[in-house]
Amino acid sequence: MMKMYEAMTRTHIMDRIMFDAQRQGRISFYMSNSGEEAAQVGSAAALHEEDLVWAQYREAGESIGHNG
């Protein structure tokens, strides 16, 4: 449970950094995933170690939660 919470927190922090960078013009495109951390990390928790994740925008929590 703590591992999942840590992954949600890391996802939220990364999202904030990337969103701020996009708003400052340092990167051109970023889709925020704020508020979706639990759904992403929760679905990643159900995966097996050998399962692959093909994350798209707004799915960073799946990659962080799965490979964590």
C-alpha atoms as a PDB file:
ATOM      1  CA  MET A   1       0.000   0.000   0.000  1.00  0.00           C
ATOM      2  CA  MET A   2       2.838   2.408   0.816  1.00  0.00           C
ATOM      3  CA  LYS A   3       4.475   1.637  -2.532  1.00  0.00           C
ATOM      4  CA  MET A   4       1.268   2.645  -4.304  1.00  0.00           C
ATOM      5  CA  TYR A   5       1.013   5.869  -2.299  1.00  0.00           C
ATOM      6  CA  GLU A   6       4.637   6.674  -3.091  1.00  0.00           C
ATOM      7  CA  ALA A   7       3.993   6.098  -6.805  1.00  0.00           C
ATOM      8  CA  MET A   8       0.930   8.376  -6.701  1.00  0.00           C
ATOM      9  CA  THR A   9       2.958  11.082  -4.961  1.00  0.00           C
ATOM     10  CA  ARG A  10       5.830  10.797  -7.457  1.00  0.00           C
ATOM     11  CA  THR A  11       3.332  10.953 -10.327  1.00  0.00           C
ATOM     12  CA  HIS A  12       1.752  14.102  -8.890  1.00  0.00           C
ATOM     13  CA  ILE A  13       5.122  15.808  -8.377  1.00  0.00           C
ATOM     14  CA  MET A  14       6.295  14.921 -11.895  1.00  0.00           C
ATOM     15  CA  ASP A  15       3.011  16.177 -13.320  1.00  0.00           C
ATOM     16  CA  ARG A  16       3.378  19.522 -11.532  1.00  0.00           C
ATOM     17  CA  ILE A  17       6.971  19.953 -12.778  1.00  0.00           C
ATOM     18  CA  MET A  18       6.058  19.097 -16.370  1.00  0.00           C
ATOM     19  CA  PHE A  19       2.944  21.311 -16.337  1.00  0.00           C
ATOM     20  CA  ASP A  20       4.944  24.268 -15.002  1.00  0.00           C
ATOM     21  CA  ALA A  21       7.651  23.705 -17.635  1.00  0.00           C
ATOM     22  CA  GLN A  22       5.018  23.701 -20.376  1.00  0.00           C
ATOM     23  CA  ARG A  23       3.426  26.900 -19.049  1.00  0.00           C
ATOM     24  CA  GLN A  24       6.867  28.563 -18.965  1.00  0.00           C
ATOM     25  CA  GLY A  25       7.505  27.607 -22.595  1.00  0.00           C
ATOM     26  CA  ARG A  26      10.377  25.227 -21.782  1.00  0.00           C
ATOM     27  CA  ILE A  27       8.512  22.313 -23.410  1.00  0.00           C
ATOM     28  CA  SER A  28       5.940  22.651 -26.166  1.00  0.00           C
ATOM     29  CA  PHE A  29       3.280  20.095 -25.275  1.00  0.00           C
ATOM     30  CA  TYR A  30       2.098  18.463 -22.064  1.00  0.00           C
ATOM     31  CA  MET A  31      -1.255  17.004 -21.040  1.00  0.00           C
ATOM     32  CA  SER A  32      -1.708  17.177 -17.275  1.00  0.00           C
ATOM     33  CA  ASN A  33      -2.889  14.035 -15.486  1.00  0.00           C
ATOM     34  CA  SER A  34      -3.718  15.681 -12.178  1.00  0.00           C
ATOM     35  CA  GLY A  35      -6.463  13.826 -10.331  1.00  0.00           C
ATOM     36  CA  GLU A  36      -5.930  10.579 -12.249  1.00  0.00           C
ATOM     37  CA  GLU A  37      -3.013   9.256 -10.195  1.00  0.00           C
ATOM     38  CA  ALA A  38      -4.966   6.678  -8.189  1.00  0.00           C
ATOM     39  CA  ALA A  39      -6.625   5.130 -11.252  1.00  0.00           C
ATOM     40  CA  GLN A  40      -3.297   4.821 -13.040  1.00  0.00           C
ATOM     41  CA  VAL A  41      -1.282   3.459 -10.128  1.00  0.00           C
ATOM     42  CA  GLY A  42      -4.124   1.159  -9.072  1.00  0.00           C
ATOM     43  CA  SER A  43      -4.392  -0.430 -12.492  1.00  0.00           C
ATOM     44  CA  ALA A  44      -0.599  -0.831 -12.641  1.00  0.00           C
ATOM     45  CA  ALA A  45      -0.676  -2.632  -9.285  1.00  0.00           C
ATOM     46  CA  ALA A  46      -2.727  -5.412 -10.859  1.00  0.00           C
ATOM     47  CA  LEU A  47      -0.046  -6.104 -13.482  1.00  0.00           C
ATOM     48  CA  HIS A  48       2.600  -8.798 -13.250  1.00  0.00           C
ATOM     49  CA  GLU A  49       6.303  -7.972 -13.374  1.00  0.00           C
ATOM     50  CA  GLU A  50       6.640  -9.303 -16.935  1.00  0.00           C
ATOM     51  CA  ASP A  51       3.633  -7.342 -18.262  1.00  0.00           C
ATOM     52  CA  LEU A  52       4.355  -4.448 -20.605  1.00  0.00           C
ATOM     53  CA  VAL A  53       2.890  -0.963 -20.336  1.00  0.00           C
ATOM     54  CA  TRP A  54       2.513   1.188 -23.443  1.00  0.00           C
ATOM     55  CA  ALA A  55       1.717   4.490 -21.746  1.00  0.00           C
ATOM     56  CA  GLN A  56       0.407   7.486 -23.655  1.00  0.00           C
ATOM     57  CA  TYR A  57      -0.213  11.017 -22.469  1.00  0.00           C
ATOM     58  CA  ARG A  58      -1.961  11.237 -19.092  1.00  0.00           C
ATOM     59  CA  GLU A  59      -0.774   7.736 -18.187  1.00  0.00           C
ATOM     60  CA  ALA A  60       2.560   8.435 -16.481  1.00  0.00           C
ATOM     61  CA  GLY A  61       1.245   6.915 -13.247  1.00  0.00           C
ATOM     62  CA  GLU A  62       0.978   3.508 -14.900  1.00  0.00           C
ATOM     63  CA  SER A  63       4.643   3.551 -15.885  1.00  0.00           C
ATOM     64  CA  ILE A  64       5.772   4.852 -12.508  1.00  0.00           C
ATOM     65  CA  GLY A  65       3.513   2.444 -10.598  1.00  0.00           C
ATOM     66  CA  HIS A  66       4.525  -0.552 -12.673  1.00  0.00           C
ATOM     67  CA  ASN A  67       8.261   0.050 -12.919  1.00  0.00           C
ATOM     68  CA  GLY A  68       8.446   2.085  -9.766  1.00  0.00           C
END
